[in-house]
Amino acid sequence: MSRRDLQAAARPRKNCLRSRVNSLDRDSKSRAATNILITGGAQAWKLSAGFVLTIFSTRNLAPSDFGLLAMSATAATFLGLIKDLGVGQAIIQRPEIAKGQIDALFWLSVLASAASALALTLSAYPLSLFYDDPRLQQLIVAIAGLSFIAGLSTVPAALLARESRFKSLAVLDVAATTASIVAGIVAVMILRNYWALYLSTLVLTLVSTAGIWTCSGYRPGYPHLDGETRHMARFGLHVSGFNLVNYFSRNADNILIGKFRGGDELGLYDRAYKLLLFPIVQLHNPIGQVIVPLLSRLRLDKKEYLSTYDDALSMVMLVCQPGIVFAILLSEPLFRIVLGEHWVGAAPIFSWLGVAGLIQVATATAAWLFLSQGRGREYFRLGVWTALINVTSFVVGLPWGALGVAMAYTLVNCAIVLPLYATLIGRNGPVTTRRLIETTGPHWIGCLVAAAITRISTISLLDGNSLAGLATLLALAYASYLVAISFFAQKRALARRLLRYGYRRAAPQI
């Protein structure tokens, strides 16, 4: 048989293989949508339950208690970011991985967790001197133990995510969160101090770790070190490096305010920041957990990759931004009604940070792109530059207190960080800077329209000083946002795809 005949015979097999790959990608996208819904449901419960504990504890604890927790959390979480060296993300990313390689990464993460816990324990006394608060010493030592326990579940949790066992992870999240919230509320009523929230975290960590190990079935063995293992470790180090510098930039404000402005002002700033950041994190985490492996498989299919990312980015902005616009404009009545009169001082801080939150809803998805495209080194460099910019803004704003820090941080995010992200994302890979502008542009217009309608309504029509008025204004913000973006063809096409997907999901049940 001639070479031409062989090529002709092979062509149908190649076309068949390509068809199978495309079919698998479509199936993967369908499963990803289902997994996002499952994981999102668990995150919604975590968000709701966590909000209940936040409100209850805020009403029953003093601002200084939250300031003390913020002081300890800054060091604890910073060191905790190196407890797994990014090996969980490395395991999820790899198309194939051997048992010995998994074992090697597990023992590496255990050693890193132990080193992190030891470093945190040794830092307890110096930190108590730095903040001039002896209560910190015992609290930080207790948190160090939690850090080590939490690190033990990194690899089995990554294996559950790699195997797309998101239903099991969701059930575990709900169970651990429920136990934690119940324990936290009881502890707040009995102890009436910061140890109540520590006990809530202790219950969450123990229940979650035990459940993950039970469900995964993973048992560590003898490690196998080879070139691929070292490559995964390097990738994990880049991810871990980004997490470290990013966390430092996000918590340097707490350090500076706590040191130079005191625990009461830090407590106000911390509540404003956490109430804004918590919903954004709870939304991005489950989507990222599902979307990064999917984008990794679609990396060579530019059209599908762009479609998947555009849809995910649009949905995240749609869910978050109208609510943030509403909270920015009505921060004072929100804090007064929900948290109490003594927390109204945090409302201006929240409003300024909310503007930065509108931007971070979009920029946080950059991690999906850098990780799925294997751009670990660029991801780390972006984190370094962002950290330097943000910390500089904190120092500039510090003379004007917590509000000055929030203002400087927001202005820098608008003027420098957002363009920096857009430029570096578009430098390599299928998502260009122009594509980002085309995808996000309608949403920025939607924010302006929602802000204008909400503001006009508060002045002339509705009272924002009651729960009924706030609920109406929130619905109006979302409605006006949706109307604004519906004028763009790409957003109408997304709505049609979502409706078709919902119909296909519901059809078998009819």
Protein backbone atom coordinates (compact mmCIF):
# COMPACT_ATOMS: atom_id res chain seq x y z
CA MET A 1 0.00 0.00 0.00
CA SER A 2 1.37 3.43 -0.96
CA ARG A 3 2.00 6.29 1.45
CA ARG A 4 -0.99 8.15 -0.04
CA ASP A 5 -3.23 5.16 0.63
CA LEU A 6 -1.96 4.90 4.19
CA GLN A 7 -2.63 8.60 4.75
CA ALA A 8 -6.11 8.27 3.30
CA ALA A 9 -6.82 5.30 5.57
CA ALA A 10 -5.52 7.15 8.62
CA ARG A 11 -7.55 10.28 7.93
CA PRO A 12 -10.91 8.84 9.03
CA ARG A 13 -9.31 7.56 12.24
CA LYS A 14 -7.87 11.00 12.96
CA ASN A 15 -11.22 12.65 12.25
CA CYS A 16 -12.89 10.07 14.49
CA LEU A 17 -10.37 10.75 17.27
CA ARG A 18 -10.84 14.52 16.90
CA SER A 19 -14.61 14.04 17.06
CA ARG A 20 -14.24 11.95 20.22
CA VAL A 21 -12.04 14.62 21.82
CA ASN A 22 -14.54 17.37 20.94
CA SER A 23 -17.33 15.22 22.31
CA LEU A 24 -15.43 14.66 25.52
CA ASP A 25 -14.82 18.41 25.83
CA ARG A 26 -18.52 19.10 25.40
CA ASP A 27 -19.35 16.43 27.96
CA SER A 28 -16.71 17.87 30.27
CA LYS A 29 -18.28 21.33 29.99
CA SER A 30 -21.68 19.88 30.79
CA ARG A 31 -20.29 18.05 33.81
CA ALA A 32 -18.42 21.20 34.83
CA ALA A 33 -21.67 23.17 34.82
CA THR A 34 -23.27 20.50 37.00
CA ASN A 35 -20.27 20.43 39.34
CA ILE A 36 -20.35 24.23 39.64
CA LEU A 37 -24.00 24.05 40.62
CA ILE A 38 -23.27 21.35 43.21
CA THR A 39 -20.25 23.13 44.61
CA GLY A 40 -22.02 26.47 44.39
CA GLY A 41 -24.91 25.10 46.43
CA ALA A 42 -22.50 24.06 49.16
CA GLN A 43 -20.78 27.45 49.00
CA ALA A 44 -24.16 29.19 49.22
CA TRP A 45 -24.85 27.30 52.43
CA LYS A 46 -21.38 28.16 53.75
CA LEU A 47 -21.95 31.79 52.84
CA SER A 48 -25.37 31.94 54.48
CA ALA A 49 -24.30 30.06 57.61
CA GLY A 50 -21.06 32.02 57.86
CA PHE A 51 -23.00 35.26 57.51
CA VAL A 52 -25.26 34.21 60.39
CA LEU A 53 -22.23 33.54 62.61
CA THR A 54 -20.61 36.80 61.51
CA ILE A 55 -23.69 38.83 62.38
CA PHE A 56 -24.26 36.98 65.67
CA SER A 57 -20.65 37.27 66.81
CA THR A 58 -20.39 40.90 65.68
CA ARG A 59 -23.41 41.79 67.79
CA ASN A 60 -22.08 39.96 70.87
CA LEU A 61 -18.32 40.57 70.73
CA ALA A 62 -16.34 43.79 70.97
CA PRO A 63 -14.41 45.33 68.05
CA SER A 64 -11.18 44.67 70.00
CA ASP A 65 -11.92 40.90 69.87
CA PHE A 66 -12.01 41.03 66.07
CA GLY A 67 -8.94 43.23 66.05
CA LEU A 68 -7.06 40.61 68.08
CA LEU A 69 -8.18 37.86 65.70
CA ALA A 70 -7.09 39.97 62.74
CA MET A 71 -3.64 40.44 64.28
CA SER A 72 -3.18 36.69 64.77
CA ALA A 73 -4.73 35.74 61.43
CA THR A 74 -2.29 37.90 59.50
CA ALA A 75 0.71 35.82 60.55
CA ALA A 76 -1.16 32.50 60.74
CA THR A 77 -2.62 32.62 57.26
CA PHE A 78 0.58 33.98 55.72
CA LEU A 79 2.61 31.02 57.01
CA GLY A 80 -0.28 28.67 56.32
CA LEU A 81 -0.03 29.41 52.61
CA ILE A 82 3.24 27.46 52.42
CA LYS A 83 1.89 24.45 54.30
CA ASP A 84 1.22 22.55 51.04
CA LEU A 85 3.66 24.31 48.65
CA GLY A 86 0.93 24.38 46.01
CA VAL A 87 1.01 20.60 45.52
CA GLY A 88 -2.78 20.36 45.56
CA GLN A 89 -3.05 22.52 42.45
CA ALA A 90 -0.18 20.59 40.83
CA ILE A 91 -2.03 17.28 41.35
CA ILE A 92 -5.28 18.64 39.92
CA GLN A 93 -3.53 20.07 36.87
CA ARG A 94 -1.66 16.98 35.73
CA PRO A 95 -3.33 14.85 33.02
CA GLU A 96 -1.58 11.73 34.37
CA ILE A 97 0.07 11.07 37.71
CA ALA A 98 1.46 7.92 39.36
CA LYS A 99 0.80 6.76 42.92
CA GLY A 100 4.46 7.18 43.88
CA GLN A 101 4.43 10.77 42.63
CA ILE A 102 1.31 11.50 44.69
CA ASP A 103 3.01 10.01 47.74
CA ALA A 104 6.08 12.18 47.17
CA LEU A 105 3.93 15.30 47.00
CA PHE A 106 2.02 14.23 50.11
CA TRP A 107 5.13 13.86 52.25
CA LEU A 108 6.44 17.14 50.87
CA SER A 109 3.23 18.86 51.94
CA VAL A 110 3.42 17.24 55.42
CA LEU A 111 6.95 18.53 55.92
CA ALA A 112 5.92 21.99 54.75
CA SER A 113 2.89 21.97 57.09
CA ALA A 114 5.05 20.96 60.05
CA ALA A 115 7.60 23.67 59.25
CA SER A 116 4.82 26.25 58.89
CA ALA A 117 3.28 25.28 62.25
CA LEU A 118 6.67 25.39 63.96
CA ALA A 119 7.48 28.82 62.51
CA LEU A 120 4.11 30.12 63.63
CA THR A 121 4.63 28.78 67.15
CA LEU A 122 8.06 30.40 67.38
CA SER A 123 6.60 33.71 66.16
CA ALA A 124 3.94 33.83 68.89
CA TYR A 125 6.00 35.65 71.51
CA PRO A 126 7.64 38.18 69.12
CA LEU A 127 4.23 39.00 67.64
CA SER A 128 2.72 39.54 71.08
CA LEU A 129 5.54 42.02 71.76
CA PHE A 130 5.11 43.68 68.36
CA TYR A 131 1.40 44.32 68.96
CA ASP A 132 1.93 44.84 72.70
CA ASP A 133 -0.82 42.35 73.56
CA PRO A 134 0.14 39.24 75.62
CA ARG A 135 -3.14 37.50 74.71
CA LEU A 136 -1.77 36.91 71.23
CA GLN A 137 0.83 34.38 72.36
CA GLN A 138 -1.57 31.62 73.42
CA LEU A 139 -3.94 32.31 70.53
CA ILE A 140 -1.20 32.00 67.89
CA VAL A 141 0.15 28.76 69.39
CA ALA A 142 -3.37 27.31 69.27
CA ILE A 143 -3.79 28.42 65.65
CA ALA A 144 -0.46 26.75 64.74
CA GLY A 145 -1.92 23.38 65.68
CA LEU A 146 -4.91 24.01 63.41
CA SER A 147 -2.59 24.92 60.56
CA PHE A 148 -0.80 21.57 60.74
CA ILE A 149 -4.05 19.57 60.92
CA ALA A 150 -5.51 21.42 57.93
CA GLY A 151 -2.38 20.73 55.88
CA LEU A 152 -2.85 16.98 56.21
CA SER A 153 -5.95 17.05 54.00
CA THR A 154 -4.35 18.85 51.02
CA VAL A 155 -3.51 15.80 48.91
CA PRO A 156 -6.66 13.71 49.58
CA ALA A 157 -8.80 16.79 48.87
CA ALA A 158 -6.92 17.37 45.60
CA LEU A 159 -7.52 13.74 44.63
CA LEU A 160 -11.26 14.12 45.24
CA ALA A 161 -11.30 17.24 43.04
CA ARG A 162 -9.17 15.53 40.36
CA GLU A 163 -11.66 12.67 40.23
CA SER A 164 -14.53 15.20 39.97
CA ARG A 165 -16.06 13.94 43.21
CA PHE A 166 -17.48 17.39 43.89
CA LYS A 167 -20.68 15.98 45.35
CA SER A 168 -18.68 14.34 48.14
CA LEU A 169 -16.71 17.54 48.71
CA ALA A 170 -19.94 19.53 48.81
CA VAL A 171 -21.50 17.21 51.40
CA LEU A 172 -18.37 17.46 53.53
CA ASP A 173 -18.37 21.26 53.25
CA VAL A 174 -21.98 21.48 54.36
CA ALA A 175 -21.48 19.08 57.28
CA ALA A 176 -18.29 20.78 58.51
CA THR A 177 -19.75 24.28 58.13
CA THR A 178 -22.94 23.36 59.98
CA ALA A 179 -21.02 21.84 62.88
CA SER A 180 -18.73 24.88 62.96
CA ILE A 181 -21.56 27.41 63.01
CA VAL A 182 -23.44 25.60 65.78
CA ALA A 183 -20.25 25.33 67.85
CA GLY A 184 -19.45 29.00 67.21
CA ILE A 185 -22.85 30.30 68.28
CA VAL A 186 -22.83 28.20 71.46
CA ALA A 187 -19.26 29.28 72.24
CA VAL A 188 -20.09 32.97 71.70
CA MET A 189 -23.01 32.74 74.13
CA ILE A 190 -20.84 31.03 76.77
CA LEU A 191 -17.38 32.59 76.39
CA ARG A 192 -18.18 36.05 75.04
CA ASN A 193 -14.66 36.55 73.72
CA TYR A 194 -12.35 35.75 70.79
CA TRP A 195 -11.85 32.12 71.88
CA ALA A 196 -15.40 31.39 70.73
CA LEU A 197 -14.46 32.00 67.10
CA TYR A 198 -11.31 29.91 67.50
CA LEU A 199 -13.41 26.98 68.72
CA SER A 200 -15.67 27.38 65.69
CA THR A 201 -12.63 27.11 63.40
CA LEU A 202 -11.32 24.12 65.37
CA VAL A 203 -14.57 22.20 64.80
CA LEU A 204 -14.55 23.12 61.10
CA THR A 205 -10.96 21.90 60.65
CA LEU A 206 -11.41 18.60 62.50
CA VAL A 207 -14.69 17.63 60.82
CA SER A 208 -13.47 18.61 57.36
CA THR A 209 -10.10 16.83 57.65
CA ALA A 210 -11.62 13.61 59.01
CA GLY A 211 -14.29 13.59 56.30
CA ILE A 212 -11.86 14.18 53.44
CA TRP A 213 -9.57 11.35 54.52
CA THR A 214 -12.54 8.99 54.90
CA CYS A 215 -14.06 9.80 51.50
CA SER A 216 -10.84 9.87 49.48
CA GLY A 217 -9.64 6.42 50.48
CA TYR A 218 -6.08 7.63 49.96
CA ARG A 219 -3.35 6.05 52.04
CA PRO A 220 0.20 7.41 51.69
CA GLY A 221 3.01 5.10 50.67
CA TYR A 222 6.66 5.25 49.67
CA PRO A 223 7.48 8.41 47.67
CA HIS A 224 8.81 8.23 44.12
CA LEU A 225 11.00 11.14 43.02
CA ASP A 226 11.55 11.72 39.30
CA GLY A 227 11.71 14.55 36.79
CA GLU A 228 7.95 14.88 36.56
CA THR A 229 7.61 15.08 40.32
CA ARG A 230 10.20 17.85 40.46
CA HIS A 231 8.40 19.68 37.65
CA MET A 232 5.11 19.52 39.58
CA ALA A 233 6.89 20.71 42.71
CA ARG A 234 8.29 23.74 40.82
CA PHE A 235 4.85 24.58 39.47
CA GLY A 236 3.46 24.30 42.99
CA LEU A 237 6.19 26.59 44.31
CA HIS A 238 5.24 29.27 41.79
CA VAL A 239 1.59 28.99 42.83
CA SER A 240 2.56 29.04 46.50
CA GLY A 241 4.83 32.03 45.86
CA PHE A 242 1.98 33.96 44.30
CA ASN A 243 -0.28 33.09 47.23
CA LEU A 244 2.35 34.32 49.68
CA VAL A 245 2.97 37.70 48.08
CA ASN A 246 -0.73 38.16 47.34
CA TYR A 247 -1.64 37.45 50.94
CA PHE A 248 1.04 39.79 52.18
CA SER A 249 -0.34 42.58 50.01
CA ARG A 250 -3.88 41.88 51.24
CA ASN A 251 -2.88 41.86 54.91
CA ALA A 252 -0.17 44.49 55.15
CA ASP A 253 -3.02 46.93 55.72
CA ASN A 254 -4.07 44.98 58.83
CA ILE A 255 -0.51 44.97 60.12
CA LEU A 256 -0.05 48.72 59.61
CA ILE A 257 -3.44 49.72 61.00
CA GLY A 258 -3.09 47.36 63.98
CA LYS A 259 0.36 48.66 64.81
CA PHE A 260 -0.14 52.39 64.29
CA ARG A 261 -3.89 52.97 64.72
CA GLY A 262 -4.90 50.38 67.35
CA GLY A 263 -7.24 47.42 67.70
CA ASP A 264 -10.54 49.36 67.63
CA GLU A 265 -9.83 50.99 64.27
CA LEU A 266 -8.48 47.71 62.92
CA GLY A 267 -11.67 45.98 64.06
CA LEU A 268 -13.79 48.41 62.00
CA TYR A 269 -11.55 48.03 58.97
CA ASP A 270 -11.43 44.24 59.29
CA ARG A 271 -15.24 43.91 59.50
CA ALA A 272 -15.70 46.10 56.42
CA TYR A 273 -13.08 44.20 54.45
CA LYS A 274 -14.30 40.75 55.47
CA LEU A 275 -17.96 41.49 54.79
CA LEU A 276 -17.00 42.60 51.28
CA LEU A 277 -14.41 39.94 50.49
CA PHE A 278 -16.20 36.93 51.97
CA PRO A 279 -18.96 36.66 49.32
CA ILE A 280 -16.48 37.20 46.47
CA VAL A 281 -14.15 34.47 47.73
CA GLN A 282 -17.03 32.08 48.34
CA LEU A 283 -18.14 32.53 44.72
CA HIS A 284 -14.73 32.37 43.03
CA ASN A 285 -13.40 29.35 44.92
CA PRO A 286 -15.97 26.74 43.78
CA ILE A 287 -15.99 27.99 40.19
CA GLY A 288 -12.20 28.05 40.04
CA GLN A 289 -11.99 24.56 41.51
CA VAL A 290 -14.06 23.26 38.59
CA ILE A 291 -13.11 25.62 35.77
CA VAL A 292 -9.29 25.39 35.97
CA PRO A 293 -9.10 21.65 35.10
CA LEU A 294 -11.63 22.21 32.28
CA LEU A 295 -9.69 25.14 30.81
CA SER A 296 -6.51 23.04 31.05
CA ARG A 297 -8.10 20.40 28.80
CA LEU A 298 -9.38 23.04 26.36
CA ARG A 299 -6.09 24.90 26.13
CA LEU A 300 -5.38 23.71 22.57
CA ASP A 301 -8.92 24.52 21.38
CA LYS A 302 -8.88 28.32 21.28
CA LYS A 303 -12.56 28.75 20.39
CA GLU A 304 -13.85 26.52 23.19
CA TYR A 305 -11.34 27.96 25.66
CA LEU A 306 -12.45 31.53 24.96
CA SER A 307 -16.13 30.60 25.08
CA THR A 308 -15.76 28.81 28.41
CA TYR A 309 -13.77 31.61 30.04
CA ASP A 310 -16.02 34.38 28.70
CA ASP A 311 -19.12 32.64 30.01
CA ALA A 312 -17.59 32.01 33.45
CA LEU A 313 -16.26 35.57 33.76
CA SER A 314 -19.60 37.05 32.69
CA MET A 315 -21.55 34.96 35.19
CA VAL A 316 -19.24 35.89 38.07
CA MET A 317 -19.55 39.60 37.30
CA LEU A 318 -23.32 39.31 36.88
CA VAL A 319 -23.80 37.59 40.23
CA CYS A 320 -21.52 39.85 42.27
CA GLN A 321 -21.48 43.35 40.85
CA PRO A 322 -25.10 44.52 41.29
CA GLY A 323 -25.02 43.46 44.94
CA ILE A 324 -21.74 45.30 45.51
CA VAL A 325 -23.11 48.47 43.84
CA PHE A 326 -26.13 48.29 46.14
CA ALA A 327 -23.96 47.79 49.24
CA ILE A 328 -21.65 50.70 48.30
CA LEU A 329 -24.53 53.16 48.03
CA LEU A 330 -26.40 51.92 51.10
CA SER A 331 -23.53 50.94 53.39
CA GLU A 332 -24.63 53.15 56.31
CA PRO A 333 -28.21 51.80 56.67
CA LEU A 334 -26.92 48.28 56.01
CA PHE A 335 -24.41 48.46 58.86
CA ARG A 336 -26.93 50.14 61.16
CA ILE A 337 -29.71 47.60 60.55
CA VAL A 338 -27.67 44.43 60.19
CA LEU A 339 -24.75 44.95 62.61
CA GLY A 340 -25.92 47.66 64.96
CA GLU A 341 -25.32 51.36 65.54
CA HIS A 342 -21.82 50.90 66.98
CA TRP A 343 -20.56 49.53 63.64
CA VAL A 344 -21.75 52.44 61.47
CA GLY A 345 -18.20 53.83 61.59
CA ALA A 346 -17.15 51.01 59.26
CA ALA A 347 -19.64 52.05 56.55
CA PRO A 348 -17.42 54.66 54.75
CA ILE A 349 -14.53 52.19 54.74
CA PHE A 350 -16.79 49.54 53.26
CA SER A 351 -18.01 51.88 50.51
CA TRP A 352 -14.49 52.70 49.34
CA LEU A 353 -13.38 49.07 49.48
CA GLY A 354 -16.54 48.14 47.56
CA VAL A 355 -15.31 50.06 44.52
CA ALA A 356 -12.12 47.96 44.59
CA GLY A 357 -14.32 44.88 45.01
CA LEU A 358 -16.11 45.63 41.74
CA ILE A 359 -12.73 45.40 40.00
CA GLN A 360 -11.49 42.35 41.90
CA VAL A 361 -14.54 40.36 40.86
CA ALA A 362 -12.99 40.38 37.37
CA THR A 363 -9.26 40.39 38.15
CA ALA A 364 -9.54 37.39 40.48
CA THR A 365 -10.35 35.22 37.45
CA ALA A 366 -6.84 35.83 36.12
CA ALA A 367 -5.72 32.87 38.23
CA TRP A 368 -7.87 30.57 36.05
CA LEU A 369 -5.96 31.69 32.97
CA PHE A 370 -2.41 31.58 34.34
CA LEU A 371 -2.90 28.20 36.01
CA SER A 372 -4.70 26.50 33.11
CA GLN A 373 -2.08 27.76 30.65
CA GLY A 374 0.83 26.61 32.83
CA ARG A 375 2.14 30.19 33.23
CA GLY A 376 3.27 29.72 36.81
CA ARG A 377 6.31 31.99 36.58
CA GLU A 378 4.28 34.88 35.10
CA TYR A 379 1.61 34.31 37.74
CA PHE A 380 4.20 34.70 40.49
CA ARG A 381 5.65 37.87 38.93
CA LEU A 382 2.20 39.40 38.67
CA GLY A 383 1.72 38.70 42.37
CA VAL A 384 5.00 40.44 43.23
CA TRP A 385 4.16 43.58 41.26
CA THR A 386 0.63 43.73 42.67
CA ALA A 387 1.97 43.33 46.22
CA LEU A 388 4.44 46.18 45.81
CA ILE A 389 1.76 48.48 44.39
CA ASN A 390 -0.82 47.67 47.07
CA VAL A 391 1.58 47.97 50.03
CA THR A 392 2.75 51.33 48.74
CA SER A 393 -0.86 52.51 48.67
CA PHE A 394 -1.36 51.37 52.29
CA VAL A 395 1.65 53.37 53.46
CA VAL A 396 0.48 56.46 51.57
CA GLY A 397 -3.04 56.26 53.03
CA LEU A 398 -2.06 55.35 56.62
CA PRO A 399 -1.72 58.95 57.96
CA TRP A 400 -5.48 59.35 57.36
CA GLY A 401 -6.32 56.16 59.25
CA ALA A 402 -8.28 53.13 58.08
CA LEU A 403 -10.43 55.24 55.77
CA GLY A 404 -7.31 56.71 54.14
CA VAL A 405 -5.91 53.21 53.58
CA ALA A 406 -9.17 52.13 51.93
CA MET A 407 -9.23 55.21 49.68
CA ALA A 408 -5.61 54.83 48.55
CA TYR A 409 -6.06 51.10 47.92
CA THR A 410 -9.16 51.67 45.80
CA LEU A 411 -7.65 54.47 43.72
CA VAL A 412 -4.55 52.37 42.99
CA ASN A 413 -6.68 49.39 41.95
CA CYS A 414 -8.63 51.55 39.51
CA ALA A 415 -5.66 53.40 38.04
CA ILE A 416 -2.86 50.80 38.05
CA VAL A 417 -3.81 47.25 39.04
CA LEU A 418 -6.70 46.79 36.61
CA PRO A 419 -4.69 47.91 33.53
CA LEU A 420 -1.72 45.81 34.72
CA TYR A 421 -3.83 42.65 34.92
CA ALA A 422 -5.41 43.26 31.52
CA THR A 423 -2.02 43.83 29.90
CA LEU A 424 -0.24 40.81 31.41
CA ILE A 425 -3.15 38.44 30.77
CA GLY A 426 -3.23 39.42 27.09
CA ARG A 427 0.52 39.13 26.60
CA ASN A 428 0.35 35.34 26.05
CA GLY A 429 -2.38 32.78 25.57
CA PRO A 430 -5.72 32.87 23.76
CA VAL A 431 -7.34 35.61 25.88
CA THR A 432 -6.21 38.99 24.57
CA THR A 433 -6.55 42.38 26.24
CA ARG A 434 -9.05 43.41 23.59
CA ARG A 435 -11.09 40.29 24.30
CA LEU A 436 -11.15 41.15 28.00
CA ILE A 437 -12.42 44.64 27.26
CA GLU A 438 -15.14 43.28 24.96
CA THR A 439 -16.25 40.74 27.58
CA THR A 440 -16.22 43.02 30.62
CA GLY A 441 -17.26 46.30 28.99
CA PRO A 442 -21.02 45.65 29.14
CA HIS A 443 -20.71 44.81 32.84
CA TRP A 444 -18.99 48.11 33.70
CA ILE A 445 -21.82 49.90 31.91
CA GLY A 446 -24.28 47.77 33.88
CA CYS A 447 -22.61 48.91 37.13
CA LEU A 448 -23.01 52.57 36.17
CA VAL A 449 -26.66 52.10 35.25
CA ALA A 450 -27.41 50.15 38.45
CA ALA A 451 -25.66 52.81 40.54
CA ALA A 452 -27.60 55.63 38.88
CA ILE A 453 -30.99 53.93 39.22
CA THR A 454 -30.34 52.90 42.84
CA ARG A 455 -29.15 56.38 43.79
CA ILE A 456 -32.11 58.11 42.17
CA SER A 457 -34.49 55.68 43.88
CA THR A 458 -33.02 56.36 47.34
CA ILE A 459 -33.41 60.10 46.83
CA SER A 460 -36.88 60.27 45.35
CA LEU A 461 -38.76 57.01 45.82
CA LEU A 462 -37.62 54.45 48.36
CA ASP A 463 -36.50 54.48 51.99
CA GLY A 464 -33.31 52.50 52.63
CA ASN A 465 -33.75 52.56 56.39
CA SER A 466 -35.89 49.42 56.61
CA LEU A 467 -35.40 45.81 55.63
CA ALA A 468 -38.25 46.01 53.11
CA GLY A 469 -36.75 49.12 51.52
CA LEU A 470 -33.29 47.55 51.32
CA ALA A 471 -34.69 44.38 49.72
CA THR A 472 -36.54 46.44 47.11
CA LEU A 473 -33.46 48.49 46.29
CA LEU A 474 -31.34 45.34 45.98
CA ALA A 475 -33.84 43.84 43.51
CA LEU A 476 -33.88 47.12 41.59
CA ALA A 477 -30.07 47.15 41.34
CA TYR A 478 -30.04 43.66 39.83
CA ALA A 479 -32.95 44.43 37.49
CA SER A 480 -31.39 47.62 36.12
CA TYR A 481 -28.02 45.88 35.69
CA LEU A 482 -29.64 43.05 33.71
CA VAL A 483 -31.53 45.47 31.50
CA ALA A 484 -28.34 47.40 30.74
CA ILE A 485 -26.25 44.39 29.70
CA SER A 486 -29.13 42.90 27.68
CA PHE A 487 -28.52 45.57 25.04
CA PHE A 488 -25.32 43.69 24.06
CA ALA A 489 -25.63 40.75 21.66
CA GLN A 490 -22.98 38.59 23.36
CA LYS A 491 -24.81 38.80 26.70
CA ARG A 492 -28.13 37.90 25.06
CA ALA A 493 -26.41 34.90 23.47
CA LEU A 494 -25.12 33.84 26.90
CA ALA A 495 -28.65 34.10 28.31
CA ARG A 496 -29.97 31.87 25.51
CA ARG A 497 -27.26 29.28 26.19
CA LEU A 498 -28.10 29.28 29.89
CA LEU A 499 -31.80 28.85 29.13
CA ARG A 500 -31.11 25.95 26.74
CA TYR A 501 -28.90 24.29 29.35
CA GLY A 502 -31.56 24.73 32.01
CA TYR A 503 -34.21 23.28 29.68
CA ARG A 504 -32.05 20.23 28.89
CA ARG A 505 -31.44 19.64 32.59
CA ALA A 506 -35.15 19.93 33.38
CA ALA A 507 -36.47 18.01 30.36
CA PRO A 508 -35.75 14.46 31.66
CA GLN A 509 -37.67 15.30 34.83
CA ILE A 510 -40.80 16.52 33.01
